[in-house]
Amino acid sequence: MKNLLSQVKQCRLCEKILPLEPNPILQISTQSKILIVGQAPGIKAHQKSMPFDDKSGDRLRAWLGVNKSQFYNEQLFAILPMGFCYPGRGKSGDLPPIPQCATTWRKALLEKLTEIELTIILGKYAVEWHLHSKAPITKLAKQWQTLLPLNKIVLPHPSPRNNLWLKKNLWFEKEVIPLLQKKVTALMPD
């Protein structure tokens, strides 16, 4: 794993198409119990070299019922976005993850994660890879009762940009979050 991570951290495959210097951001350990798969780091993650150290991360940690020290413990949480570097800004938010990341590194990294007991899937690119589905996030999030027993769950992105979605889908925080927190708590060390 150390050799593979070293290669990922030194990756420059997309250097010519990225808006900023490559800065691969991920968190992973062969002992990780919970896998968070998302899109790509945002600009704040790029600047801090730390995934989800922003308002999205605050909301995600609240949904999971964990604090920062638990969240950034790689033996508990692996954070493996579809793209490891900030892809740049588009008209309505960040650009999609650069696909070379997933095709080059994802399979080898996932093979090292043999202790994963829960996979949390954020966003359409992660859904397409991990569930082989192009169904809307809302439809897949509503399937939590089917997916959670399979140790998978689809969540909307925790970004403040999704406040409207959360207001329209009150069932999510009432029904899904308490069960998600229970599942996460059960995977925490005593």
N, C-alpha and C. Protein backbone atom coordinates (compact mmCIF):
# COMPACT_ATOMS: atom_id res chain seq x y z
N MET A 1 0.82 -1.20 0.00
CA MET A 1 0.00 0.00 0.00
C MET A 1 0.86 1.26 0.00
N LYS A 2 1.95 1.28 0.78
CA LYS A 2 2.80 2.47 0.84
C LYS A 2 3.36 2.82 -0.53
N ASN A 3 3.79 1.83 -1.27
CA ASN A 3 4.34 2.05 -2.61
C ASN A 3 3.27 2.62 -3.55
N LEU A 4 2.09 2.02 -3.50
CA LEU A 4 0.99 2.48 -4.34
C LEU A 4 0.60 3.92 -3.99
N LEU A 5 0.48 4.21 -2.71
CA LEU A 5 0.14 5.57 -2.29
C LEU A 5 1.22 6.58 -2.71
N SER A 6 2.45 6.18 -2.63
CA SER A 6 3.54 7.05 -3.06
C SER A 6 3.41 7.37 -4.55
N GLN A 7 3.08 6.36 -5.34
CA GLN A 7 2.88 6.58 -6.78
C GLN A 7 1.71 7.52 -7.04
N VAL A 8 0.61 7.32 -6.31
CA VAL A 8 -0.57 8.18 -6.49
C VAL A 8 -0.22 9.62 -6.12
N LYS A 9 0.44 9.81 -5.00
CA LYS A 9 0.79 11.16 -4.53
C LYS A 9 1.73 11.89 -5.50
N GLN A 10 2.50 11.13 -6.28
CA GLN A 10 3.42 11.72 -7.25
C GLN A 10 2.82 11.82 -8.65
N CYS A 11 1.58 11.41 -8.79
CA CYS A 11 0.92 11.37 -10.11
C CYS A 11 0.88 12.77 -10.75
N ARG A 12 1.19 12.80 -12.02
CA ARG A 12 1.15 14.04 -12.80
C ARG A 12 0.46 13.81 -14.15
N LEU A 13 -0.36 12.76 -14.24
CA LEU A 13 -1.02 12.40 -15.50
C LEU A 13 -1.82 13.54 -16.11
N CYS A 14 -2.46 14.32 -15.27
CA CYS A 14 -3.38 15.36 -15.76
C CYS A 14 -2.80 16.76 -15.64
N GLU A 15 -1.54 16.86 -15.39
CA GLU A 15 -0.88 18.14 -15.12
C GLU A 15 -1.22 19.22 -16.15
N LYS A 16 -1.29 18.84 -17.42
CA LYS A 16 -1.51 19.83 -18.48
C LYS A 16 -2.96 20.29 -18.60
N ILE A 17 -3.88 19.54 -17.99
CA ILE A 17 -5.29 19.94 -18.11
C ILE A 17 -5.88 20.46 -16.81
N LEU A 18 -5.16 20.33 -15.71
CA LEU A 18 -5.64 20.84 -14.42
C LEU A 18 -5.42 22.34 -14.33
N PRO A 19 -6.31 23.06 -13.64
CA PRO A 19 -6.15 24.51 -13.51
C PRO A 19 -5.05 24.89 -12.51
N LEU A 20 -4.73 23.97 -11.59
CA LEU A 20 -3.71 24.20 -10.56
C LEU A 20 -2.72 23.04 -10.59
N GLU A 21 -1.62 23.19 -9.86
CA GLU A 21 -0.64 22.10 -9.77
C GLU A 21 -1.34 20.83 -9.26
N PRO A 22 -0.95 19.66 -9.75
CA PRO A 22 -1.52 18.43 -9.22
C PRO A 22 -1.27 18.33 -7.71
N ASN A 23 -2.29 17.90 -7.00
CA ASN A 23 -2.22 17.72 -5.55
C ASN A 23 -3.16 16.58 -5.19
N PRO A 24 -2.78 15.33 -5.48
CA PRO A 24 -3.67 14.20 -5.21
C PRO A 24 -4.06 14.12 -3.73
N ILE A 25 -5.35 14.12 -3.48
CA ILE A 25 -5.88 14.11 -2.12
C ILE A 25 -6.75 12.88 -1.92
N LEU A 26 -6.34 12.05 -0.99
CA LEU A 26 -7.09 10.87 -0.60
C LEU A 26 -6.62 10.46 0.78
N GLN A 27 -7.40 9.61 1.40
CA GLN A 27 -7.07 9.09 2.73
C GLN A 27 -7.40 7.61 2.68
N ILE A 28 -6.44 6.75 2.99
CA ILE A 28 -6.67 5.33 2.80
C ILE A 28 -5.70 4.50 3.64
N SER A 29 -6.19 3.39 4.12
CA SER A 29 -5.38 2.43 4.87
C SER A 29 -5.93 1.03 4.61
N THR A 30 -5.09 0.05 4.68
CA THR A 30 -5.57 -1.32 4.51
C THR A 30 -6.50 -1.72 5.64
N GLN A 31 -6.49 -0.98 6.75
CA GLN A 31 -7.39 -1.27 7.88
C GLN A 31 -8.69 -0.48 7.85
N SER A 32 -8.88 0.42 6.89
CA SER A 32 -10.08 1.25 6.84
C SER A 32 -11.34 0.40 6.89
N LYS A 33 -12.33 0.87 7.68
CA LYS A 33 -13.59 0.15 7.84
C LYS A 33 -14.72 0.75 6.98
N ILE A 34 -14.65 2.06 6.79
CA ILE A 34 -15.70 2.78 6.07
C ILE A 34 -15.06 3.50 4.88
N LEU A 35 -15.62 3.28 3.72
CA LEU A 35 -15.11 3.90 2.49
C LEU A 35 -16.07 4.99 2.04
N ILE A 36 -15.55 6.18 1.89
CA ILE A 36 -16.33 7.31 1.35
C ILE A 36 -15.82 7.55 -0.06
N VAL A 37 -16.70 7.38 -1.03
CA VAL A 37 -16.34 7.62 -2.43
C VAL A 37 -17.12 8.83 -2.91
N GLY A 38 -16.39 9.82 -3.39
CA GLY A 38 -17.01 11.05 -3.84
C GLY A 38 -16.54 11.43 -5.22
N GLN A 39 -16.64 12.71 -5.52
CA GLN A 39 -16.34 13.20 -6.85
C GLN A 39 -14.85 13.53 -7.00
N ALA A 40 -14.46 14.71 -6.50
CA ALA A 40 -13.08 15.19 -6.58
C ALA A 40 -12.93 16.28 -5.52
N PRO A 41 -11.73 16.53 -5.06
CA PRO A 41 -11.53 17.58 -4.06
C PRO A 41 -11.96 18.95 -4.59
N GLY A 42 -12.49 19.76 -3.71
CA GLY A 42 -12.81 21.13 -4.05
C GLY A 42 -11.59 22.02 -3.87
N ILE A 43 -11.76 23.28 -4.11
CA ILE A 43 -10.64 24.22 -4.04
C ILE A 43 -10.08 24.31 -2.62
N LYS A 44 -10.95 24.28 -1.59
CA LYS A 44 -10.46 24.35 -0.21
C LYS A 44 -9.67 23.11 0.16
N ALA A 45 -10.14 21.95 -0.29
CA ALA A 45 -9.41 20.71 -0.05
C ALA A 45 -8.04 20.79 -0.72
N HIS A 46 -8.02 21.32 -1.92
CA HIS A 46 -6.75 21.48 -2.65
C HIS A 46 -5.79 22.38 -1.86
N GLN A 47 -6.31 23.51 -1.40
CA GLN A 47 -5.47 24.48 -0.69
C GLN A 47 -4.94 23.91 0.63
N LYS A 48 -5.75 23.11 1.32
CA LYS A 48 -5.38 22.56 2.62
C LYS A 48 -4.76 21.17 2.52
N SER A 49 -4.83 20.57 1.32
CA SER A 49 -4.38 19.18 1.12
C SER A 49 -5.08 18.22 2.07
N MET A 50 -6.37 18.48 2.31
CA MET A 50 -7.14 17.66 3.23
C MET A 50 -8.58 17.52 2.71
N PRO A 51 -9.07 16.30 2.56
CA PRO A 51 -10.43 16.12 2.04
C PRO A 51 -11.50 16.58 3.03
N PHE A 52 -12.54 17.18 2.52
CA PHE A 52 -13.72 17.55 3.31
C PHE A 52 -13.41 18.42 4.52
N ASP A 53 -12.43 19.29 4.42
CA ASP A 53 -12.15 20.23 5.51
C ASP A 53 -12.82 21.56 5.18
N ASP A 54 -14.16 21.50 5.09
CA ASP A 54 -14.96 22.65 4.70
C ASP A 54 -16.39 22.43 5.19
N LYS A 55 -17.33 23.26 4.73
CA LYS A 55 -18.73 23.13 5.18
C LYS A 55 -19.34 21.80 4.75
N SER A 56 -18.96 21.31 3.57
CA SER A 56 -19.45 19.99 3.14
C SER A 56 -18.98 18.92 4.11
N GLY A 57 -17.74 19.01 4.53
CA GLY A 57 -17.19 18.05 5.49
C GLY A 57 -17.88 18.15 6.84
N ASP A 58 -18.20 19.38 7.27
CA ASP A 58 -18.91 19.56 8.54
C ASP A 58 -20.25 18.84 8.49
N ARG A 59 -20.97 19.03 7.38
CA ARG A 59 -22.27 18.36 7.25
C ARG A 59 -22.10 16.84 7.15
N LEU A 60 -21.14 16.39 6.39
CA LEU A 60 -20.92 14.95 6.25
C LEU A 60 -20.60 14.32 7.61
N ARG A 61 -19.72 14.95 8.38
CA ARG A 61 -19.40 14.43 9.71
C ARG A 61 -20.62 14.42 10.61
N ALA A 62 -21.47 15.43 10.51
CA ALA A 62 -22.71 15.46 11.30
C ALA A 62 -23.62 14.31 10.88
N TRP A 63 -23.76 14.09 9.56
CA TRP A 63 -24.57 12.97 9.09
C TRP A 63 -24.04 11.64 9.61
N LEU A 64 -22.72 11.50 9.66
CA LEU A 64 -22.11 10.25 10.11
C LEU A 64 -22.09 10.13 11.63
N GLY A 65 -22.23 11.26 12.33
CA GLY A 65 -22.19 11.26 13.79
C GLY A 65 -20.78 11.08 14.32
N VAL A 66 -19.79 11.65 13.62
CA VAL A 66 -18.40 11.53 14.05
C VAL A 66 -17.75 12.91 14.17
N ASN A 67 -16.66 12.96 14.92
CA ASN A 67 -15.91 14.21 15.03
C ASN A 67 -14.75 14.18 14.03
N LYS A 68 -14.00 15.28 13.99
CA LYS A 68 -12.90 15.37 13.02
C LYS A 68 -11.81 14.33 13.27
N SER A 69 -11.47 14.09 14.52
CA SER A 69 -10.39 13.12 14.77
C SER A 69 -10.81 11.72 14.35
N GLN A 70 -12.07 11.37 14.53
CA GLN A 70 -12.55 10.07 14.04
C GLN A 70 -12.55 10.05 12.51
N PHE A 71 -13.05 11.11 11.92
CA PHE A 71 -13.18 11.18 10.47
C PHE A 71 -11.84 11.10 9.76
N TYR A 72 -10.82 11.76 10.32
CA TYR A 72 -9.51 11.76 9.69
C TYR A 72 -8.60 10.62 10.17
N ASN A 73 -9.19 9.65 10.84
CA ASN A 73 -8.46 8.44 11.22
C ASN A 73 -8.57 7.46 10.05
N GLU A 74 -7.49 7.29 9.32
CA GLU A 74 -7.52 6.45 8.11
C GLU A 74 -7.80 4.99 8.41
N GLN A 75 -7.63 4.57 9.65
CA GLN A 75 -7.97 3.18 9.99
C GLN A 75 -9.48 3.02 10.12
N LEU A 76 -10.18 4.12 10.29
CA LEU A 76 -11.65 4.09 10.32
C LEU A 76 -12.23 4.45 8.94
N PHE A 77 -11.77 5.56 8.39
CA PHE A 77 -12.34 6.08 7.14
C PHE A 77 -11.31 6.14 6.02
N ALA A 78 -11.65 5.53 4.91
CA ALA A 78 -10.91 5.74 3.66
C ALA A 78 -11.73 6.75 2.86
N ILE A 79 -11.06 7.73 2.30
CA ILE A 79 -11.73 8.73 1.46
C ILE A 79 -11.07 8.66 0.10
N LEU A 80 -11.84 8.14 -0.85
CA LEU A 80 -11.29 7.84 -2.18
C LEU A 80 -12.17 8.48 -3.26
N PRO A 81 -11.88 9.73 -3.62
CA PRO A 81 -12.69 10.37 -4.65
C PRO A 81 -12.44 9.76 -6.03
N MET A 82 -13.32 10.03 -6.95
CA MET A 82 -13.17 9.54 -8.32
C MET A 82 -12.00 10.23 -9.02
N GLY A 83 -11.75 11.46 -8.66
CA GLY A 83 -10.58 12.20 -9.13
C GLY A 83 -9.84 12.71 -7.92
N PHE A 84 -8.52 12.64 -7.91
CA PHE A 84 -7.76 12.99 -6.73
C PHE A 84 -7.34 14.46 -6.67
N CYS A 85 -7.44 15.16 -7.79
CA CYS A 85 -7.02 16.56 -7.84
C CYS A 85 -8.22 17.46 -8.16
N TYR A 86 -8.13 18.69 -7.71
CA TYR A 86 -9.16 19.68 -8.00
C TYR A 86 -9.26 19.85 -9.52
N PRO A 87 -10.47 19.61 -10.10
CA PRO A 87 -10.61 19.65 -11.56
C PRO A 87 -10.85 21.03 -12.15
N GLY A 88 -11.13 22.02 -11.32
CA GLY A 88 -11.43 23.36 -11.83
C GLY A 88 -12.91 23.68 -11.67
N ARG A 89 -13.24 24.89 -11.99
CA ARG A 89 -14.60 25.40 -11.81
C ARG A 89 -15.31 25.48 -13.15
N GLY A 90 -16.59 25.09 -13.13
CA GLY A 90 -17.44 25.19 -14.32
C GLY A 90 -18.52 26.24 -14.09
N LYS A 91 -19.53 26.25 -14.95
CA LYS A 91 -20.60 27.24 -14.86
C LYS A 91 -21.44 27.10 -13.59
N SER A 92 -21.68 25.85 -13.17
CA SER A 92 -22.57 25.64 -12.02
C SER A 92 -21.90 24.85 -10.90
N GLY A 93 -20.63 25.06 -10.71
CA GLY A 93 -19.90 24.35 -9.66
C GLY A 93 -18.59 23.80 -10.21
N ASP A 94 -17.99 22.92 -9.44
CA ASP A 94 -16.73 22.33 -9.88
C ASP A 94 -16.95 21.43 -11.09
N LEU A 95 -15.92 21.32 -11.91
CA LEU A 95 -15.97 20.44 -13.08
C LEU A 95 -16.00 18.98 -12.63
N PRO A 96 -16.39 18.07 -13.52
CA PRO A 96 -16.37 16.65 -13.18
C PRO A 96 -14.94 16.18 -12.90
N PRO A 97 -14.82 15.08 -12.15
CA PRO A 97 -13.47 14.54 -11.92
C PRO A 97 -12.81 14.13 -13.22
N ILE A 98 -11.50 14.29 -13.29
CA ILE A 98 -10.74 13.87 -14.46
C ILE A 98 -10.76 12.33 -14.51
N PRO A 99 -11.24 11.72 -15.58
CA PRO A 99 -11.42 10.26 -15.61
C PRO A 99 -10.13 9.43 -15.52
N GLN A 100 -8.99 10.00 -15.89
CA GLN A 100 -7.74 9.24 -15.84
C GLN A 100 -7.41 8.74 -14.44
N CYS A 101 -7.83 9.47 -13.42
CA CYS A 101 -7.58 9.04 -12.04
C CYS A 101 -8.20 7.66 -11.79
N ALA A 102 -9.48 7.57 -12.08
CA ALA A 102 -10.19 6.31 -11.81
C ALA A 102 -9.63 5.18 -12.66
N THR A 103 -9.41 5.44 -13.95
CA THR A 103 -8.94 4.36 -14.81
C THR A 103 -7.52 3.93 -14.47
N THR A 104 -6.72 4.83 -13.96
CA THR A 104 -5.33 4.51 -13.65
C THR A 104 -5.15 3.90 -12.26
N TRP A 105 -5.85 4.42 -11.25
CA TRP A 105 -5.54 4.07 -9.87
C TRP A 105 -6.63 3.33 -9.09
N ARG A 106 -7.88 3.51 -9.46
CA ARG A 106 -8.98 3.08 -8.60
C ARG A 106 -8.99 1.57 -8.31
N LYS A 107 -8.88 0.76 -9.33
CA LYS A 107 -8.96 -0.69 -9.13
C LYS A 107 -7.87 -1.17 -8.16
N ALA A 108 -6.65 -0.73 -8.36
CA ALA A 108 -5.54 -1.16 -7.49
C ALA A 108 -5.76 -0.71 -6.04
N LEU A 109 -6.26 0.50 -5.85
CA LEU A 109 -6.51 0.99 -4.49
C LEU A 109 -7.64 0.22 -3.83
N LEU A 110 -8.73 0.02 -4.56
CA LEU A 110 -9.87 -0.70 -3.99
C LEU A 110 -9.50 -2.13 -3.62
N GLU A 111 -8.62 -2.75 -4.37
CA GLU A 111 -8.19 -4.12 -4.06
C GLU A 111 -7.47 -4.20 -2.72
N LYS A 112 -6.87 -3.11 -2.28
CA LYS A 112 -6.16 -3.07 -1.00
C LYS A 112 -7.11 -2.90 0.18
N LEU A 113 -8.35 -2.51 -0.09
CA LEU A 113 -9.31 -2.23 0.97
C LEU A 113 -10.14 -3.48 1.30
N THR A 114 -9.53 -4.40 1.98
CA THR A 114 -10.19 -5.68 2.27
C THR A 114 -11.01 -5.68 3.55
N GLU A 115 -10.92 -4.61 4.35
CA GLU A 115 -11.62 -4.55 5.64
C GLU A 115 -12.87 -3.65 5.60
N ILE A 116 -13.21 -3.14 4.45
CA ILE A 116 -14.35 -2.22 4.33
C ILE A 116 -15.66 -2.92 4.69
N GLU A 117 -16.42 -2.27 5.59
CA GLU A 117 -17.70 -2.81 6.02
C GLU A 117 -18.87 -1.90 5.64
N LEU A 118 -18.57 -0.72 5.12
CA LEU A 118 -19.62 0.20 4.68
C LEU A 118 -19.02 1.12 3.62
N THR A 119 -19.73 1.27 2.51
CA THR A 119 -19.32 2.18 1.44
C THR A 119 -20.37 3.27 1.30
N ILE A 120 -19.94 4.51 1.45
CA ILE A 120 -20.80 5.68 1.33
C ILE A 120 -20.50 6.33 0.00
N ILE A 121 -21.52 6.41 -0.85
CA ILE A 121 -21.35 6.86 -2.23
C ILE A 121 -21.96 8.25 -2.40
N LEU A 122 -21.12 9.21 -2.79
CA LEU A 122 -21.55 10.60 -2.96
C LEU A 122 -21.39 11.02 -4.42
N GLY A 123 -22.47 11.35 -5.08
CA GLY A 123 -22.38 11.93 -6.41
C GLY A 123 -22.48 10.93 -7.55
N LYS A 124 -22.87 11.46 -8.71
CA LYS A 124 -23.19 10.60 -9.86
C LYS A 124 -22.00 9.84 -10.42
N TYR A 125 -20.81 10.42 -10.40
CA TYR A 125 -19.65 9.70 -10.96
C TYR A 125 -19.28 8.51 -10.08
N ALA A 126 -19.38 8.69 -8.77
CA ALA A 126 -19.13 7.58 -7.85
C ALA A 126 -20.23 6.53 -7.97
N VAL A 127 -21.47 6.96 -8.16
CA VAL A 127 -22.59 6.03 -8.36
C VAL A 127 -22.37 5.20 -9.62
N GLU A 128 -21.99 5.86 -10.69
CA GLU A 128 -21.78 5.13 -11.95
C GLU A 128 -20.69 4.07 -11.79
N TRP A 129 -19.62 4.38 -11.08
CA TRP A 129 -18.51 3.44 -10.91
C TRP A 129 -18.89 2.30 -9.95
N HIS A 130 -19.46 2.65 -8.80
CA HIS A 130 -19.66 1.67 -7.74
C HIS A 130 -20.98 0.91 -7.84
N LEU A 131 -21.99 1.50 -8.45
CA LEU A 131 -23.28 0.82 -8.58
C LEU A 131 -23.63 0.53 -10.04
N HIS A 132 -22.80 0.99 -10.95
CA HIS A 132 -23.06 0.81 -12.39
C HIS A 132 -24.46 1.28 -12.75
N SER A 133 -24.79 2.47 -12.26
CA SER A 133 -26.13 3.02 -12.45
C SER A 133 -26.04 4.46 -12.88
N LYS A 134 -27.00 4.86 -13.69
CA LYS A 134 -27.13 6.26 -14.08
C LYS A 134 -28.42 6.86 -13.51
N ALA A 135 -29.01 6.14 -12.55
CA ALA A 135 -30.24 6.61 -11.91
C ALA A 135 -29.95 7.90 -11.13
N PRO A 136 -30.97 8.75 -11.00
CA PRO A 136 -30.78 10.00 -10.24
C PRO A 136 -30.43 9.71 -8.77
N ILE A 137 -29.66 10.61 -8.18
CA ILE A 137 -29.24 10.46 -6.78
C ILE A 137 -30.45 10.32 -5.86
N THR A 138 -31.49 11.11 -6.08
CA THR A 138 -32.67 11.03 -5.21
C THR A 138 -33.27 9.63 -5.23
N LYS A 139 -33.39 9.05 -6.40
CA LYS A 139 -33.96 7.69 -6.51
C LYS A 139 -33.07 6.69 -5.76
N LEU A 140 -31.77 6.81 -5.94
CA LEU A 140 -30.85 5.87 -5.28
C LEU A 140 -30.79 6.10 -3.77
N ALA A 141 -30.85 7.36 -3.34
CA ALA A 141 -30.86 7.65 -1.90
C ALA A 141 -32.11 7.06 -1.25
N LYS A 142 -33.22 7.04 -1.99
CA LYS A 142 -34.46 6.45 -1.47
C LYS A 142 -34.39 4.93 -1.37
N GLN A 143 -33.38 4.34 -1.98
CA GLN A 143 -33.21 2.89 -1.92
C GLN A 143 -32.33 2.46 -0.75
N TRP A 144 -32.17 3.32 0.23
CA TRP A 144 -31.30 3.04 1.37
C TRP A 144 -31.68 1.74 2.06
N GLN A 145 -32.97 1.40 2.11
CA GLN A 145 -33.39 0.17 2.78
C GLN A 145 -32.88 -1.07 2.05
N THR A 146 -32.69 -0.96 0.75
CA THR A 146 -32.15 -2.06 -0.04
C THR A 146 -30.63 -2.08 0.01
N LEU A 147 -30.02 -0.90 -0.04
CA LEU A 147 -28.56 -0.81 -0.11
C LEU A 147 -27.86 -0.98 1.24
N LEU A 148 -28.44 -0.45 2.31
CA LEU A 148 -27.77 -0.50 3.61
C LEU A 148 -27.49 -1.93 4.09
N PRO A 149 -28.41 -2.87 3.89
CA PRO A 149 -28.07 -4.25 4.25
C PRO A 149 -26.91 -4.83 3.41
N LEU A 150 -26.65 -4.23 2.26
CA LEU A 150 -25.51 -4.64 1.42
C LEU A 150 -24.26 -3.84 1.77
N ASN A 151 -24.35 -3.07 2.86
CA ASN A 151 -23.24 -2.24 3.34
C ASN A 151 -22.84 -1.14 2.36
N LYS A 152 -23.85 -0.62 1.66
CA LYS A 152 -23.65 0.52 0.76
C LYS A 152 -24.79 1.50 1.00
N ILE A 153 -24.50 2.76 0.74
CA ILE A 153 -25.54 3.77 0.82
C ILE A 153 -25.17 4.93 -0.10
N VAL A 154 -26.17 5.49 -0.75
CA VAL A 154 -25.99 6.67 -1.61
C VAL A 154 -26.52 7.87 -0.84
N LEU A 155 -25.68 8.88 -0.75
CA LEU A 155 -26.07 10.13 -0.11
C LEU A 155 -25.97 11.26 -1.12
N PRO A 156 -26.80 12.30 -0.96
CA PRO A 156 -26.57 13.49 -1.79
C PRO A 156 -25.25 14.11 -1.34
N HIS A 157 -24.66 14.91 -2.17
CA HIS A 157 -23.43 15.57 -1.75
C HIS A 157 -23.77 16.48 -0.57
N PRO A 158 -22.96 16.49 0.47
CA PRO A 158 -23.26 17.30 1.66
C PRO A 158 -23.03 18.80 1.47
N SER A 159 -22.79 19.24 0.29
CA SER A 159 -22.52 20.65 0.01
C SER A 159 -23.70 21.54 0.41
N PRO A 160 -23.41 22.75 0.88
CA PRO A 160 -24.48 23.72 1.13
C PRO A 160 -25.32 23.99 -0.13
N ARG A 161 -24.76 23.70 -1.30
CA ARG A 161 -25.52 23.87 -2.55
C ARG A 161 -26.73 22.95 -2.59
N ASN A 162 -26.75 21.92 -1.74
CA ASN A 162 -27.87 20.97 -1.73
C ASN A 162 -28.88 21.25 -0.62
N ASN A 163 -28.85 22.45 -0.05
CA ASN A 163 -29.83 22.81 0.99
C ASN A 163 -31.25 22.68 0.48
N LEU A 164 -31.50 23.09 -0.74
CA LEU A 164 -32.85 23.00 -1.32
C LEU A 164 -33.28 21.53 -1.42
N TRP A 165 -32.37 20.66 -1.87
CA TRP A 165 -32.68 19.23 -1.97
C TRP A 165 -33.08 18.70 -0.59
N LEU A 166 -32.34 19.08 0.44
CA LEU A 166 -32.62 18.61 1.80
C LEU A 166 -33.97 19.11 2.29
N LYS A 167 -34.34 20.35 1.92
CA LYS A 167 -35.64 20.88 2.32
C LYS A 167 -36.78 20.16 1.60
N LYS A 168 -36.54 19.75 0.37
CA LYS A 168 -37.56 19.03 -0.41
C LYS A 168 -37.65 17.56 -0.03
N ASN A 169 -36.62 17.03 0.58
CA ASN A 169 -36.54 15.60 0.90
C ASN A 169 -36.32 15.41 2.40
N LEU A 170 -37.29 15.85 3.19
CA LEU A 170 -37.18 15.79 4.65
C LEU A 170 -37.02 14.35 5.16
N TRP A 171 -37.51 13.38 4.41
CA TRP A 171 -37.38 11.98 4.79
C TRP A 171 -35.91 11.59 4.99
N PHE A 172 -35.02 12.22 4.22
CA PHE A 172 -33.61 11.84 4.26
C PHE A 172 -33.01 12.01 5.66
N GLU A 173 -33.14 13.19 6.22
CA GLU A 173 -32.54 13.41 7.54
C GLU A 173 -33.35 12.77 8.66
N LYS A 174 -34.64 12.53 8.44
CA LYS A 174 -35.48 11.88 9.47
C LYS A 174 -35.30 10.37 9.49
N GLU A 175 -35.22 9.76 8.32
CA GLU A 175 -35.19 8.30 8.23
C GLU A 175 -33.78 7.73 8.03
N VAL A 176 -33.03 8.32 7.13
CA VAL A 176 -31.76 7.73 6.72
C VAL A 176 -30.63 8.05 7.70
N ILE A 177 -30.50 9.30 8.09
CA ILE A 177 -29.36 9.71 8.92
C ILE A 177 -29.29 8.95 10.25
N PRO A 178 -30.39 8.77 10.99
CA PRO A 178 -30.27 8.01 12.24
C PRO A 178 -29.77 6.57 12.02
N LEU A 179 -30.22 5.93 10.97
CA LEU A 179 -29.76 4.57 10.70
C LEU A 179 -28.31 4.54 10.22
N LEU A 180 -27.93 5.53 9.43
CA LEU A 180 -26.55 5.64 9.00
C LEU A 180 -25.64 5.84 10.21
N GLN A 181 -26.03 6.73 11.11
CA GLN A 181 -25.23 6.97 12.31
C GLN A 181 -25.11 5.71 13.17
N LYS A 182 -26.18 4.96 13.25
CA LYS A 182 -26.16 3.70 14.02
C LYS A 182 -25.16 2.72 13.39
N LYS A 183 -25.19 2.63 12.08
CA LYS A 183 -24.28 1.73 11.36
C LYS A 183 -22.82 2.17 11.55
N VAL A 184 -22.56 3.46 11.44
CA VAL A 184 -21.21 3.99 11.61
C VAL A 184 -20.73 3.77 13.05
N THR A 185 -21.59 4.05 14.01
CA THR A 185 -21.23 3.85 15.42
C THR A 185 -20.85 2.40 15.70
N ALA A 186 -21.56 1.48 15.10
CA ALA A 186 -21.27 0.06 15.30
C ALA A 186 -19.89 -0.34 14.77
N LEU A 187 -19.35 0.44 13.83
CA LEU A 187 -18.04 0.14 13.25
C LEU A 187 -16.88 0.85 13.97
N MET A 188 -17.23 1.71 14.92
CA MET A 188 -16.21 2.44 15.68
C MET A 188 -15.60 1.53 16.75
N PRO A 189 -14.31 1.71 17.02
CA PRO A 189 -13.70 0.92 18.10
C PRO A 189 -14.26 1.34 19.45
N ASP A 190 -14.25 0.43 20.40
CA ASP A 190 -14.78 0.73 21.75
C ASP A 190 -13.92 1.72 22.49
